[in-house]
């Protein structure tokens, strides 16, 4: 991978686009094992051809364009996706804005004008089930049939299975919704993570002996409410902790909030941006009759979280810098 990860957008001038790149194309929500196989094939092809390797992806996610009023639980926002792509061995990413014009572009025009005309690709890697262009006419088979005319190499990645179950972003969303962190981690090839800014809360944790860093997640986040063992990146240093995601039924039953208690940490976190990786699911969110019972449970949760984190000493997403 090059020392810098370039980001190419619709407005990027042609002179700033590396010609002849090999591209891995997909939506890449979560950058899971299946996506990584597509990316790995592109990186290998690029090395063999002596070309840069780029991801071609779309923002917002096409689902959001076609179904704007349907809640979409994204595994990664745009920045998170780019950081994962940067950590996957690529030299950069082409972010194509998914709007009415792009949705109406025929598959043939997309190939001829975007992939060949604008990017000048020398090769492409694509998943077996990825479709593109108006009416989803574009397919791996179409690219393969056009390869000779276009003078490009085409790799079609077959599905990746774990225990005879295909890896997919949908399967990972379902696992997270059920609190199946180990299953999600295996499909992602690393822990699922979120990034967010620490906000002011009710500061109840201080009185309980568990001061927390609070982060408001995307309203459509489908993560199961409950208690988790987490590992947190703060300014390049990792800290272990325990976190609650939910509505705090013992207190206010309010809007969902992620509350993180970092072990062995002292300092002011307000306004800081944290990367929070979910290592293990500990229990469901519960309502307690009194504060003493809640504190006893939090003590027990912390013991279980420390044990889970000790069993996963190197678990953290493979993130790269995007500038």
Protein backbone atom coordinates (compact mmCIF):
# COMPACT_ATOMS: atom_id res chain seq x y z
CA UNK A 1 0.00 0.00 0.00
CA UNK A 2 1.21 3.49 -0.75
CA UNK A 3 2.05 5.90 2.03
CA UNK A 4 -1.03 8.01 1.30
CA UNK A 5 -4.58 6.96 0.57
CA UNK A 6 -6.07 9.10 -2.19
CA UNK A 7 -9.78 9.90 -2.33
CA UNK A 8 -11.27 10.67 -5.75
CA UNK A 9 -14.70 12.24 -6.01
CA UNK A 10 -16.96 13.36 -8.84
CA UNK A 11 -15.37 16.82 -8.85
CA UNK A 12 -11.76 15.55 -8.80
CA UNK A 13 -9.99 16.82 -11.96
CA UNK A 14 -8.89 14.23 -14.49
CA UNK A 15 -5.25 15.20 -13.97
CA UNK A 16 -5.48 14.01 -10.35
CA UNK A 17 -6.82 10.55 -11.24
CA UNK A 18 -4.23 7.79 -11.66
CA UNK A 19 -4.77 6.16 -15.06
CA UNK A 20 -4.71 2.43 -15.54
CA UNK A 21 -5.68 1.47 -12.00
CA UNK A 22 -7.15 -1.88 -11.06
CA UNK A 23 -10.41 -1.34 -9.20
CA UNK A 24 -12.45 -3.30 -6.69
CA UNK A 25 -16.08 -2.23 -7.12
CA UNK A 26 -18.89 -2.52 -4.60
CA UNK A 27 -20.88 -0.77 -1.89
CA UNK A 28 -18.57 -2.29 0.74
CA UNK A 29 -20.81 -1.67 3.76
CA UNK A 30 -18.78 -3.05 6.66
CA UNK A 31 -15.85 -4.16 4.44
CA UNK A 32 -16.46 -7.77 5.50
CA UNK A 33 -14.66 -10.97 4.49
CA UNK A 34 -16.47 -11.18 1.16
CA UNK A 35 -15.54 -7.58 0.35
CA UNK A 36 -11.96 -8.25 1.43
CA UNK A 37 -11.74 -11.16 -1.02
CA UNK A 38 -12.84 -8.80 -3.83
CA UNK A 39 -10.30 -6.21 -2.66
CA UNK A 40 -7.52 -8.77 -2.23
CA UNK A 41 -7.98 -9.97 -5.80
CA UNK A 42 -7.76 -6.38 -7.06
CA UNK A 43 -4.60 -5.73 -5.02
CA UNK A 44 -2.98 -8.92 -6.34
CA UNK A 45 -3.90 -8.04 -9.95
CA UNK A 46 -2.58 -4.50 -9.48
CA UNK A 47 0.76 -5.78 -8.17
CA UNK A 48 1.08 -8.16 -11.11
CA UNK A 49 0.30 -5.40 -13.62
CA UNK A 50 2.34 -2.75 -11.80
CA UNK A 51 -0.72 -0.54 -11.33
CA UNK A 52 -2.36 1.22 -8.37
CA UNK A 53 -5.32 -0.51 -6.70
CA UNK A 54 -8.45 1.55 -5.99
CA UNK A 55 -11.90 0.87 -4.58
CA UNK A 56 -14.90 2.17 -6.53
CA UNK A 57 -17.83 2.70 -4.20
CA UNK A 58 -21.01 4.75 -3.92
CA UNK A 59 -22.32 7.35 -1.47
CA UNK A 60 -24.93 7.58 -0.21
CA UNK A 61 -25.65 3.87 -0.22
CA UNK A 62 -27.96 3.16 -3.19
CA UNK A 63 -30.55 1.71 -0.77
CA UNK A 64 -30.89 5.16 0.78
CA UNK A 65 -31.54 6.70 -2.65
CA UNK A 66 -34.13 4.17 -3.76
CA UNK A 67 -35.85 3.88 -0.34
CA UNK A 68 -35.27 7.27 1.35
CA UNK A 69 -38.01 6.73 3.95
CA UNK A 70 -36.94 3.23 4.97
CA UNK A 71 -34.53 3.18 7.96
CA UNK A 72 -31.11 1.91 6.87
CA UNK A 73 -28.80 0.35 9.45
CA UNK A 74 -25.40 0.97 7.92
CA UNK A 75 -22.49 -1.02 9.30
CA UNK A 76 -20.10 1.81 8.43
CA UNK A 77 -20.63 5.44 7.58
CA UNK A 78 -18.62 6.93 4.73
CA UNK A 79 -15.61 7.83 6.86
CA UNK A 80 -15.54 4.46 8.60
CA UNK A 81 -15.75 2.65 5.28
CA UNK A 82 -12.87 4.69 3.87
CA UNK A 83 -10.69 3.97 6.91
CA UNK A 84 -11.35 0.24 6.53
CA UNK A 85 -10.60 0.41 2.80
CA UNK A 86 -7.38 2.27 3.57
CA UNK A 87 -6.43 -0.53 5.96
CA UNK A 88 -7.15 -3.23 3.37
CA UNK A 89 -4.11 -2.64 1.17
CA UNK A 90 -5.64 -0.27 -1.37
CA UNK A 91 -4.01 2.91 -2.68
CA UNK A 92 -7.20 4.96 -2.71
CA UNK A 93 -10.94 5.06 -3.28
CA UNK A 94 -13.22 6.53 -5.91
CA UNK A 95 -16.39 7.80 -4.23
CA UNK A 96 -19.17 8.11 -6.80
CA UNK A 97 -22.16 10.17 -5.71
CA UNK A 98 -25.28 8.05 -6.05
CA UNK A 99 -27.99 10.40 -7.28
CA UNK A 100 -30.75 10.44 -9.91
CA UNK A 101 -28.28 10.95 -12.74
CA UNK A 102 -26.14 8.00 -11.71
CA UNK A 103 -29.16 5.81 -11.03
CA UNK A 104 -30.33 6.55 -14.58
CA UNK A 105 -26.99 5.76 -16.25
CA UNK A 106 -27.08 2.60 -18.31
CA UNK A 107 -24.65 -0.15 -17.44
CA UNK A 108 -22.95 0.22 -20.81
CA UNK A 109 -22.49 3.97 -20.38
CA UNK A 110 -21.18 3.42 -16.86
CA UNK A 111 -18.56 1.01 -18.17
CA UNK A 112 -17.57 3.09 -21.20
CA UNK A 113 -17.72 6.59 -19.70
CA UNK A 114 -16.87 6.06 -16.04
CA UNK A 115 -14.68 2.98 -15.75
CA UNK A 116 -12.88 3.28 -19.10
CA UNK A 117 -13.26 6.94 -20.08
CA UNK A 118 -12.76 8.71 -16.76
CA UNK A 119 -10.75 6.18 -14.76
CA UNK A 120 -9.02 4.32 -17.61
CA UNK A 121 -9.00 1.08 -15.61
CA UNK A 122 -6.79 -1.85 -16.58
CA UNK A 123 -8.66 -4.39 -14.47
CA UNK A 124 -11.64 -4.84 -12.18
CA UNK A 125 -12.60 -7.17 -9.33
CA UNK A 126 -16.28 -7.53 -8.49
CA UNK A 127 -18.43 -9.77 -6.31
CA UNK A 128 -20.56 -12.47 -7.91
CA UNK A 129 -23.81 -10.75 -6.85
CA UNK A 130 -22.96 -7.08 -7.47
CA UNK A 131 -25.07 -5.30 -10.09
CA UNK A 132 -24.86 -1.74 -11.39
CA UNK A 133 -26.40 0.63 -13.92
CA UNK A 134 -30.02 1.49 -14.64
CA UNK A 135 -32.28 -1.43 -13.82
CA UNK A 136 -29.27 -3.28 -12.32
CA UNK A 137 -28.47 -4.54 -15.81
CA UNK A 138 -24.73 -4.34 -15.18
CA UNK A 139 -23.38 -7.64 -13.90
CA UNK A 140 -20.18 -9.64 -13.52
CA UNK A 141 -21.19 -11.57 -16.67
CA UNK A 142 -21.51 -8.32 -18.65
CA UNK A 143 -18.05 -7.20 -17.56
CA UNK A 144 -16.60 -10.58 -18.50
CA UNK A 145 -18.22 -10.46 -21.93
CA UNK A 146 -16.84 -6.94 -22.50
CA UNK A 147 -13.34 -7.61 -21.15
CA UNK A 148 -11.68 -8.35 -24.48
CA UNK A 149 -13.23 -5.36 -26.26
CA UNK A 150 -12.23 -3.07 -23.42
CA UNK A 151 -8.77 -4.53 -22.98
CA UNK A 152 -9.18 -5.15 -19.26
CA UNK A 153 -8.86 -8.07 -16.88
CA UNK A 154 -11.99 -9.06 -14.93
CA UNK A 155 -12.06 -11.06 -11.70
CA UNK A 156 -15.40 -12.28 -10.34
CA UNK A 157 -15.25 -13.27 -6.69
CA UNK A 158 -17.47 -16.17 -5.65
CA UNK A 159 -19.30 -16.02 -2.34
CA UNK A 160 -17.40 -16.49 0.91
CA UNK A 161 -19.00 -18.91 3.39
CA UNK A 162 -18.51 -19.53 7.09
CA UNK A 163 -19.97 -22.85 8.23
CA UNK A 164 -21.82 -23.07 4.91
CA UNK A 165 -23.49 -19.68 5.47
CA UNK A 166 -22.69 -16.89 2.98
CA UNK A 167 -21.04 -13.81 4.46
CA UNK A 168 -23.06 -10.67 3.73
CA UNK A 169 -23.71 -7.22 5.15
CA UNK A 170 -27.31 -8.29 5.81
CA UNK A 171 -26.18 -11.32 7.82
CA UNK A 172 -23.87 -9.09 9.88
CA UNK A 173 -26.68 -6.63 10.60
CA UNK A 174 -28.84 -9.51 11.78
CA UNK A 175 -26.06 -10.81 14.02
CA UNK A 176 -25.56 -7.37 15.61
CA UNK A 177 -29.31 -7.01 16.11
CA UNK A 178 -29.26 -10.29 18.03
CA UNK A 179 -26.17 -9.45 20.09
CA UNK A 180 -24.15 -12.14 18.31
CA UNK A 181 -20.87 -10.25 18.43
CA UNK A 182 -18.64 -13.28 17.87
CA UNK A 183 -20.51 -14.16 14.66
CA UNK A 184 -20.38 -10.58 13.40
CA UNK A 185 -16.67 -10.36 14.19
CA UNK A 186 -15.93 -13.54 12.25
CA UNK A 187 -17.83 -12.32 9.19
CA UNK A 188 -16.16 -8.90 9.35
CA UNK A 189 -12.68 -10.36 9.94
CA UNK A 190 -12.39 -8.00 12.90
CA UNK A 191 -14.63 -6.30 15.45
CA UNK A 192 -17.50 -4.08 14.37
CA UNK A 193 -16.82 -0.49 15.37
CA UNK A 194 -18.38 2.95 15.52
CA UNK A 195 -16.79 6.39 15.80
CA UNK A 196 -18.36 9.29 17.60
CA UNK A 197 -17.83 12.44 19.61
CA UNK A 198 -18.19 12.30 23.38
CA UNK A 199 -21.14 14.43 24.52
CA UNK A 200 -22.36 15.62 27.91
CA UNK A 201 -24.84 13.33 29.62
CA UNK A 202 -26.66 13.28 32.94
CA UNK A 203 -23.39 12.48 34.76
CA UNK A 204 -25.07 9.78 36.85
CA UNK A 205 -22.11 7.48 36.25
CA UNK A 206 -19.87 9.65 38.41
CA UNK A 207 -22.14 9.12 41.42
CA UNK A 208 -22.18 5.37 40.76
CA UNK A 209 -18.39 5.12 40.56
CA UNK A 210 -18.57 4.51 36.80
CA UNK A 211 -18.02 7.80 34.95
CA UNK A 212 -18.95 7.24 31.32
CA UNK A 213 -18.13 8.73 27.94
CA UNK A 214 -21.43 9.12 26.10
CA UNK A 215 -21.85 8.88 22.32
CA UNK A 216 -25.06 9.27 20.34
CA UNK A 217 -25.17 6.64 17.60
CA UNK A 218 -26.99 6.91 14.29
CA UNK A 219 -30.76 6.79 14.97
CA UNK A 220 -31.04 3.79 12.63
CA UNK A 221 -28.33 1.79 14.41
CA UNK A 222 -29.73 -1.71 14.84
CA UNK A 223 -27.30 -2.94 17.50
CA UNK A 224 -29.04 -4.92 20.25
CA UNK A 225 -29.52 -2.97 23.46
CA UNK A 226 -27.34 -4.37 26.19
CA UNK A 227 -23.94 -4.43 27.87
CA UNK A 228 -20.74 -4.99 25.89
CA UNK A 229 -17.02 -5.45 26.36
CA UNK A 230 -15.39 -2.78 24.20
CA UNK A 231 -11.95 -1.64 23.11
CA UNK A 232 -11.53 2.07 22.45
CA UNK A 233 -9.03 4.01 20.37
CA UNK A 234 -8.35 7.45 21.83
CA UNK A 235 -5.72 9.52 20.04
CA UNK A 236 -3.90 6.40 18.84
CA UNK A 237 -3.91 4.59 22.19
CA UNK A 238 -6.15 1.63 22.99
CA UNK A 239 -8.16 1.30 26.20
CA UNK A 240 -10.37 -1.53 27.38
CA UNK A 241 -13.80 -0.88 28.82
CA UNK A 242 -17.41 -1.86 29.31
CA UNK A 243 -20.30 -0.13 27.59
CA UNK A 244 -24.07 0.07 27.75
CA UNK A 245 -26.14 0.73 24.66
CA UNK A 246 -29.80 1.42 25.28
CA UNK A 247 -32.46 3.54 26.94
CA UNK A 248 -31.40 3.37 30.62
CA UNK A 249 -34.67 1.81 31.92
CA UNK A 250 -33.61 2.20 35.56
CA UNK A 251 -33.55 5.98 35.11
CA UNK A 252 -35.31 7.69 32.20
CA UNK A 253 -35.97 5.16 29.39
CA UNK A 254 -34.83 7.89 26.99
CA UNK A 255 -33.34 7.94 23.51
CA UNK A 256 -30.73 5.21 22.85
CA UNK A 257 -27.25 6.21 24.01
CA UNK A 258 -23.86 4.48 24.09
CA UNK A 259 -22.26 4.93 27.52
CA UNK A 260 -18.65 3.74 27.83
CA UNK A 261 -16.65 3.24 31.02
CA UNK A 262 -12.92 2.98 30.32
CA UNK A 263 -10.90 0.84 32.69
CA UNK A 264 -7.83 2.43 34.24
CA UNK A 265 -8.41 5.84 32.68
CA UNK A 266 -8.60 9.30 34.14
CA UNK A 267 -9.16 12.43 32.11
CA UNK A 268 -11.64 14.64 30.33
CA UNK A 269 -13.11 13.08 27.19
CA UNK A 270 -15.74 15.68 26.28
CA UNK A 271 -15.46 16.65 22.64
CA UNK A 272 -13.02 13.82 21.87
CA UNK A 273 -13.74 11.41 19.02
CA UNK A 274 -13.50 7.75 19.98
CA UNK A 275 -13.34 4.58 17.88
CA UNK A 276 -15.31 1.98 19.82
CA UNK A 277 -14.88 -1.69 18.86
CA UNK A 278 -17.40 -4.20 20.20
CA UNK A 279 -15.57 -7.30 21.46
CA UNK A 280 -18.22 -9.30 23.32
CA UNK A 281 -21.88 -9.21 24.34
CA UNK A 282 -22.36 -9.57 28.08
CA UNK A 283 -26.09 -9.29 28.81
CA UNK A 284 -29.37 -7.61 27.96
CA UNK A 285 -30.30 -4.19 29.27
CA UNK A 286 -32.19 -4.55 32.56
CA UNK A 287 -34.23 -2.39 34.92
CA UNK A 288 -33.06 -2.47 38.53
CA UNK A 289 -35.09 -1.79 41.67
CA UNK A 290 -32.36 0.29 43.30
CA UNK A 291 -28.95 1.84 42.88
CA UNK A 292 -27.16 -0.76 45.02
CA UNK A 293 -28.39 -3.60 42.82
CA UNK A 294 -27.33 -1.68 39.72
CA UNK A 295 -23.81 -1.07 41.08
CA UNK A 296 -23.41 -4.75 42.01
CA UNK A 297 -24.40 -5.70 38.48
CA UNK A 298 -22.01 -3.13 36.98
CA UNK A 299 -19.20 -4.59 39.08
CA UNK A 300 -20.06 -8.03 37.74
CA UNK A 301 -20.28 -6.70 34.17
CA UNK A 302 -16.82 -5.18 34.50
CA UNK A 303 -15.33 -8.50 35.63
CA UNK A 304 -16.88 -10.29 32.65
CA UNK A 305 -15.78 -7.54 30.25
CA UNK A 306 -12.18 -7.68 31.47
CA UNK A 307 -12.16 -11.46 30.98
CA UNK A 308 -13.56 -11.19 27.44
CA UNK A 309 -11.03 -8.51 26.52
CA UNK A 310 -8.14 -10.51 27.99
CA UNK A 311 -9.20 -13.40 25.75
CA UNK A 312 -9.04 -11.12 22.69
CA UNK A 313 -5.83 -9.15 23.28
CA UNK A 314 -5.28 -8.02 19.69
CA UNK A 315 -8.88 -7.55 18.60
CA UNK A 316 -9.37 -4.21 16.84
CA UNK A 317 -10.43 -3.17 13.33
CA UNK A 318 -7.77 -2.84 10.63
CA UNK A 319 -8.03 0.90 10.06
CA UNK A 320 -5.91 3.06 7.79
CA UNK A 321 -5.35 6.82 7.69
CA UNK A 322 -7.31 8.82 5.12
CA UNK A 323 -5.91 12.25 5.89
